[in-house]
């Protein structure tokens, strides 16, 4: 099964990323999780990166690695991570 077709792997990476972003508001985590429930992984990562930018959340090294992997797996357009300096 390819990574793009492995929802459990993608959800696990989102959970890992949430743990690596302690300053990301819980209300926003819940919004992203709501999108994940529907299997809309690309929309979820787009929303998450937009909120990281808008809230000016610090992104540590581990979170950057996880975010890069999620971006690759979901096919996120580079413009979303470029604004974060990734």
N, C-alpha and C. Protein backbone atom coordinates (compact mmCIF):
# COMPACT_ATOMS: atom_id res chain seq x y z
N UNK A 1 0.85 -1.18 0.00
CA UNK A 1 0.00 0.00 0.00
C UNK A 1 0.89 1.24 0.00
N UNK A 2 0.64 2.17 -0.93
CA UNK A 2 1.44 3.38 -0.98
C UNK A 2 1.11 4.25 0.22
N UNK A 3 2.05 5.15 0.53
CA UNK A 3 1.84 6.04 1.67
C UNK A 3 0.60 6.91 1.49
N UNK A 4 0.32 7.34 0.24
CA UNK A 4 -0.84 8.19 0.00
C UNK A 4 -2.14 7.45 0.27
N UNK A 5 -2.11 6.15 0.23
CA UNK A 5 -3.32 5.35 0.42
C UNK A 5 -3.36 4.71 1.82
N UNK A 6 -2.47 5.15 2.69
CA UNK A 6 -2.39 4.57 4.03
C UNK A 6 -2.89 5.59 5.06
N UNK A 7 -4.20 5.64 5.26
CA UNK A 7 -4.75 6.65 6.18
C UNK A 7 -4.26 6.52 7.61
N UNK A 8 -3.99 5.31 8.06
CA UNK A 8 -3.50 5.13 9.43
C UNK A 8 -2.13 5.80 9.60
N UNK A 9 -1.27 5.65 8.61
CA UNK A 9 0.06 6.27 8.66
C UNK A 9 -0.06 7.80 8.67
N UNK A 10 -0.94 8.31 7.83
CA UNK A 10 -1.12 9.76 7.74
C UNK A 10 -1.67 10.30 9.06
N UNK A 11 -2.68 9.63 9.62
CA UNK A 11 -3.24 10.08 10.90
C UNK A 11 -2.19 10.02 12.01
N UNK A 12 -1.36 8.98 11.99
CA UNK A 12 -0.29 8.86 12.99
C UNK A 12 0.71 10.01 12.87
N UNK A 13 1.02 10.40 11.64
CA UNK A 13 1.93 11.53 11.45
C UNK A 13 1.31 12.83 11.93
N UNK A 14 0.01 13.01 11.70
CA UNK A 14 -0.66 14.20 12.23
C UNK A 14 -0.60 14.20 13.76
N UNK A 15 -0.87 13.06 14.39
CA UNK A 15 -0.79 12.98 15.85
C UNK A 15 0.61 13.31 16.35
N UNK A 16 1.60 12.79 15.65
CA UNK A 16 2.99 13.08 16.01
C UNK A 16 3.26 14.59 15.88
N UNK A 17 2.80 15.17 14.79
CA UNK A 17 3.02 16.60 14.57
C UNK A 17 2.33 17.44 15.65
N UNK A 18 1.10 17.09 16.01
CA UNK A 18 0.42 17.82 17.08
C UNK A 18 1.23 17.77 18.38
N UNK A 19 1.81 16.62 18.67
CA UNK A 19 2.63 16.48 19.89
C UNK A 19 3.90 17.34 19.80
N UNK A 20 4.38 17.55 18.59
CA UNK A 20 5.61 18.33 18.39
C UNK A 20 5.35 19.83 18.31
N UNK A 21 4.08 20.21 18.34
CA UNK A 21 3.69 21.63 18.27
C UNK A 21 2.90 22.02 19.52
N UNK A 22 3.56 22.11 20.68
CA UNK A 22 2.83 22.37 21.93
C UNK A 22 2.13 23.73 21.96
N UNK A 23 2.56 24.68 21.14
CA UNK A 23 1.93 26.01 21.14
C UNK A 23 0.75 26.12 20.17
N UNK A 24 0.48 25.07 19.42
CA UNK A 24 -0.65 25.08 18.49
C UNK A 24 -1.92 24.95 19.31
N UNK A 25 -2.85 25.90 19.18
CA UNK A 25 -4.06 25.91 20.02
C UNK A 25 -4.88 24.62 19.89
N UNK A 26 -5.33 24.12 21.00
CA UNK A 26 -6.12 22.88 21.01
C UNK A 26 -7.38 23.02 20.16
N UNK A 27 -7.97 24.21 20.14
CA UNK A 27 -9.16 24.41 19.31
C UNK A 27 -8.85 24.19 17.84
N UNK A 28 -7.65 24.56 17.42
CA UNK A 28 -7.25 24.36 16.03
C UNK A 28 -6.91 22.90 15.76
N UNK A 29 -6.32 22.23 16.75
CA UNK A 29 -6.06 20.80 16.63
C UNK A 29 -7.37 20.07 16.37
N UNK A 30 -8.40 20.42 17.13
CA UNK A 30 -9.70 19.76 16.97
C UNK A 30 -10.31 20.03 15.61
N UNK A 31 -10.12 21.23 15.09
CA UNK A 31 -10.63 21.53 13.74
C UNK A 31 -9.94 20.66 12.69
N UNK A 32 -8.63 20.53 12.81
CA UNK A 32 -7.88 19.70 11.85
C UNK A 32 -8.30 18.24 12.01
N UNK A 33 -8.43 17.78 13.23
CA UNK A 33 -8.88 16.40 13.46
C UNK A 33 -10.25 16.14 12.83
N UNK A 34 -11.13 17.14 12.89
CA UNK A 34 -12.44 17.00 12.28
C UNK A 34 -12.36 16.77 10.78
N UNK A 35 -11.43 17.43 10.13
CA UNK A 35 -11.22 17.24 8.70
C UNK A 35 -10.61 15.87 8.44
N UNK A 36 -9.72 15.44 9.32
CA UNK A 36 -9.08 14.12 9.17
C UNK A 36 -10.09 12.99 9.24
N UNK A 37 -11.10 13.14 10.09
CA UNK A 37 -12.13 12.11 10.24
C UNK A 37 -12.77 11.81 8.88
N UNK A 38 -12.94 12.84 8.08
CA UNK A 38 -13.53 12.67 6.76
C UNK A 38 -12.56 12.17 5.71
N UNK A 39 -11.29 11.97 6.11
CA UNK A 39 -10.29 11.48 5.17
C UNK A 39 -9.76 12.53 4.22
N UNK A 40 -9.99 13.79 4.53
CA UNK A 40 -9.54 14.89 3.68
C UNK A 40 -8.14 15.34 4.11
N UNK A 41 -7.15 14.51 3.82
CA UNK A 41 -5.80 14.74 4.33
C UNK A 41 -5.15 15.99 3.75
N UNK A 42 -5.35 16.24 2.47
CA UNK A 42 -4.75 17.43 1.86
C UNK A 42 -5.37 18.69 2.45
N UNK A 43 -6.67 18.72 2.61
CA UNK A 43 -7.33 19.88 3.22
C UNK A 43 -6.84 20.07 4.65
N UNK A 44 -6.67 18.97 5.37
CA UNK A 44 -6.19 19.05 6.76
C UNK A 44 -4.80 19.68 6.84
N UNK A 45 -3.89 19.26 5.97
CA UNK A 45 -2.53 19.80 6.03
C UNK A 45 -2.51 21.25 5.53
N UNK A 46 -3.35 21.57 4.55
CA UNK A 46 -3.45 22.97 4.11
C UNK A 46 -3.94 23.85 5.25
N UNK A 47 -4.98 23.40 5.95
CA UNK A 47 -5.51 24.17 7.08
C UNK A 47 -4.47 24.32 8.18
N UNK A 48 -3.79 23.23 8.48
CA UNK A 48 -2.79 23.25 9.55
C UNK A 48 -1.66 24.22 9.24
N UNK A 49 -1.12 24.16 8.03
CA UNK A 49 0.00 25.05 7.70
C UNK A 49 -0.46 26.51 7.67
N UNK A 50 -1.66 26.74 7.21
CA UNK A 50 -2.19 28.11 7.21
C UNK A 50 -2.30 28.64 8.63
N UNK A 51 -2.81 27.81 9.53
CA UNK A 51 -2.96 28.23 10.93
C UNK A 51 -1.60 28.40 11.61
N UNK A 52 -0.65 27.55 11.29
CA UNK A 52 0.70 27.74 11.84
C UNK A 52 1.24 29.12 11.46
N UNK A 53 1.03 29.50 10.23
CA UNK A 53 1.48 30.80 9.75
C UNK A 53 0.70 31.93 10.43
N UNK A 54 -0.63 31.82 10.43
CA UNK A 54 -1.45 32.90 10.98
C UNK A 54 -1.24 33.11 12.48
N UNK A 55 -1.03 32.03 13.22
CA UNK A 55 -0.79 32.13 14.66
C UNK A 55 0.68 32.34 15.00
N UNK A 56 1.53 32.32 13.96
CA UNK A 56 2.98 32.49 14.14
C UNK A 56 3.54 31.50 15.17
N UNK A 57 3.17 30.24 14.99
CA UNK A 57 3.57 29.18 15.91
C UNK A 57 5.02 28.77 15.61
N UNK A 58 5.87 28.69 16.65
CA UNK A 58 7.24 28.22 16.43
C UNK A 58 7.22 26.74 16.02
N UNK A 59 8.07 26.42 15.04
CA UNK A 59 8.13 25.06 14.52
C UNK A 59 9.55 24.55 14.74
N UNK A 60 9.68 23.60 15.68
CA UNK A 60 10.98 23.03 16.00
C UNK A 60 11.46 22.06 14.93
N UNK A 61 12.67 21.58 15.11
CA UNK A 61 13.30 20.69 14.14
C UNK A 61 12.49 19.42 13.90
N UNK A 62 12.05 18.78 14.97
CA UNK A 62 11.28 17.53 14.80
C UNK A 62 9.97 17.79 14.06
N UNK A 63 9.29 18.87 14.40
CA UNK A 63 8.04 19.21 13.73
C UNK A 63 8.28 19.52 12.26
N UNK A 64 9.40 20.15 11.94
CA UNK A 64 9.74 20.45 10.54
C UNK A 64 9.90 19.16 9.74
N UNK A 65 10.55 18.17 10.33
CA UNK A 65 10.74 16.89 9.64
C UNK A 65 9.39 16.21 9.41
N UNK A 66 8.56 16.18 10.44
CA UNK A 66 7.24 15.55 10.33
C UNK A 66 6.38 16.30 9.33
N UNK A 67 6.41 17.61 9.38
CA UNK A 67 5.63 18.42 8.45
C UNK A 67 6.08 18.19 7.01
N UNK A 68 7.38 18.10 6.81
CA UNK A 68 7.90 17.83 5.46
C UNK A 68 7.43 16.47 4.96
N UNK A 69 7.42 15.46 5.82
CA UNK A 69 6.96 14.14 5.41
C UNK A 69 5.47 14.15 5.09
N UNK A 70 4.68 14.78 5.93
CA UNK A 70 3.24 14.89 5.66
C UNK A 70 2.98 15.65 4.36
N UNK A 71 3.73 16.70 4.13
CA UNK A 71 3.57 17.49 2.91
C UNK A 71 3.85 16.64 1.68
N UNK A 72 4.89 15.85 1.75
CA UNK A 72 5.26 14.97 0.63
C UNK A 72 4.18 13.92 0.39
N UNK A 73 3.75 13.28 1.46
CA UNK A 73 2.78 12.19 1.34
C UNK A 73 1.43 12.70 0.82
N UNK A 74 1.01 13.87 1.27
CA UNK A 74 -0.31 14.38 0.89
C UNK A 74 -0.29 15.16 -0.42
N UNK A 75 0.90 15.49 -0.91
CA UNK A 75 0.99 16.26 -2.14
C UNK A 75 0.72 17.75 -1.94
N UNK A 76 1.03 18.25 -0.75
CA UNK A 76 0.80 19.65 -0.43
C UNK A 76 1.60 20.56 -1.36
N UNK A 77 0.94 21.58 -1.89
CA UNK A 77 1.62 22.56 -2.75
C UNK A 77 2.72 23.27 -1.96
N UNK A 78 3.88 23.45 -2.55
CA UNK A 78 5.01 24.06 -1.85
C UNK A 78 4.73 25.44 -1.28
N UNK A 79 3.77 26.17 -1.83
CA UNK A 79 3.50 27.52 -1.31
C UNK A 79 3.08 27.52 0.15
N UNK A 80 2.46 26.43 0.60
CA UNK A 80 2.01 26.35 1.99
C UNK A 80 3.18 26.24 2.96
N UNK A 81 4.19 25.49 2.60
CA UNK A 81 5.34 25.36 3.49
C UNK A 81 6.36 26.47 3.27
N UNK A 82 6.37 27.08 2.09
CA UNK A 82 7.31 28.17 1.82
C UNK A 82 7.09 29.34 2.77
N UNK A 83 5.82 29.66 3.05
CA UNK A 83 5.55 30.78 3.95
C UNK A 83 6.02 30.49 5.38
N UNK A 84 6.23 29.20 5.68
CA UNK A 84 6.72 28.81 7.00
C UNK A 84 8.24 28.72 7.04
N UNK A 85 8.87 28.98 5.91
CA UNK A 85 10.33 28.91 5.84
C UNK A 85 10.83 27.49 5.75
N UNK A 86 10.00 26.58 5.23
CA UNK A 86 10.42 25.18 5.10
C UNK A 86 10.83 24.87 3.67
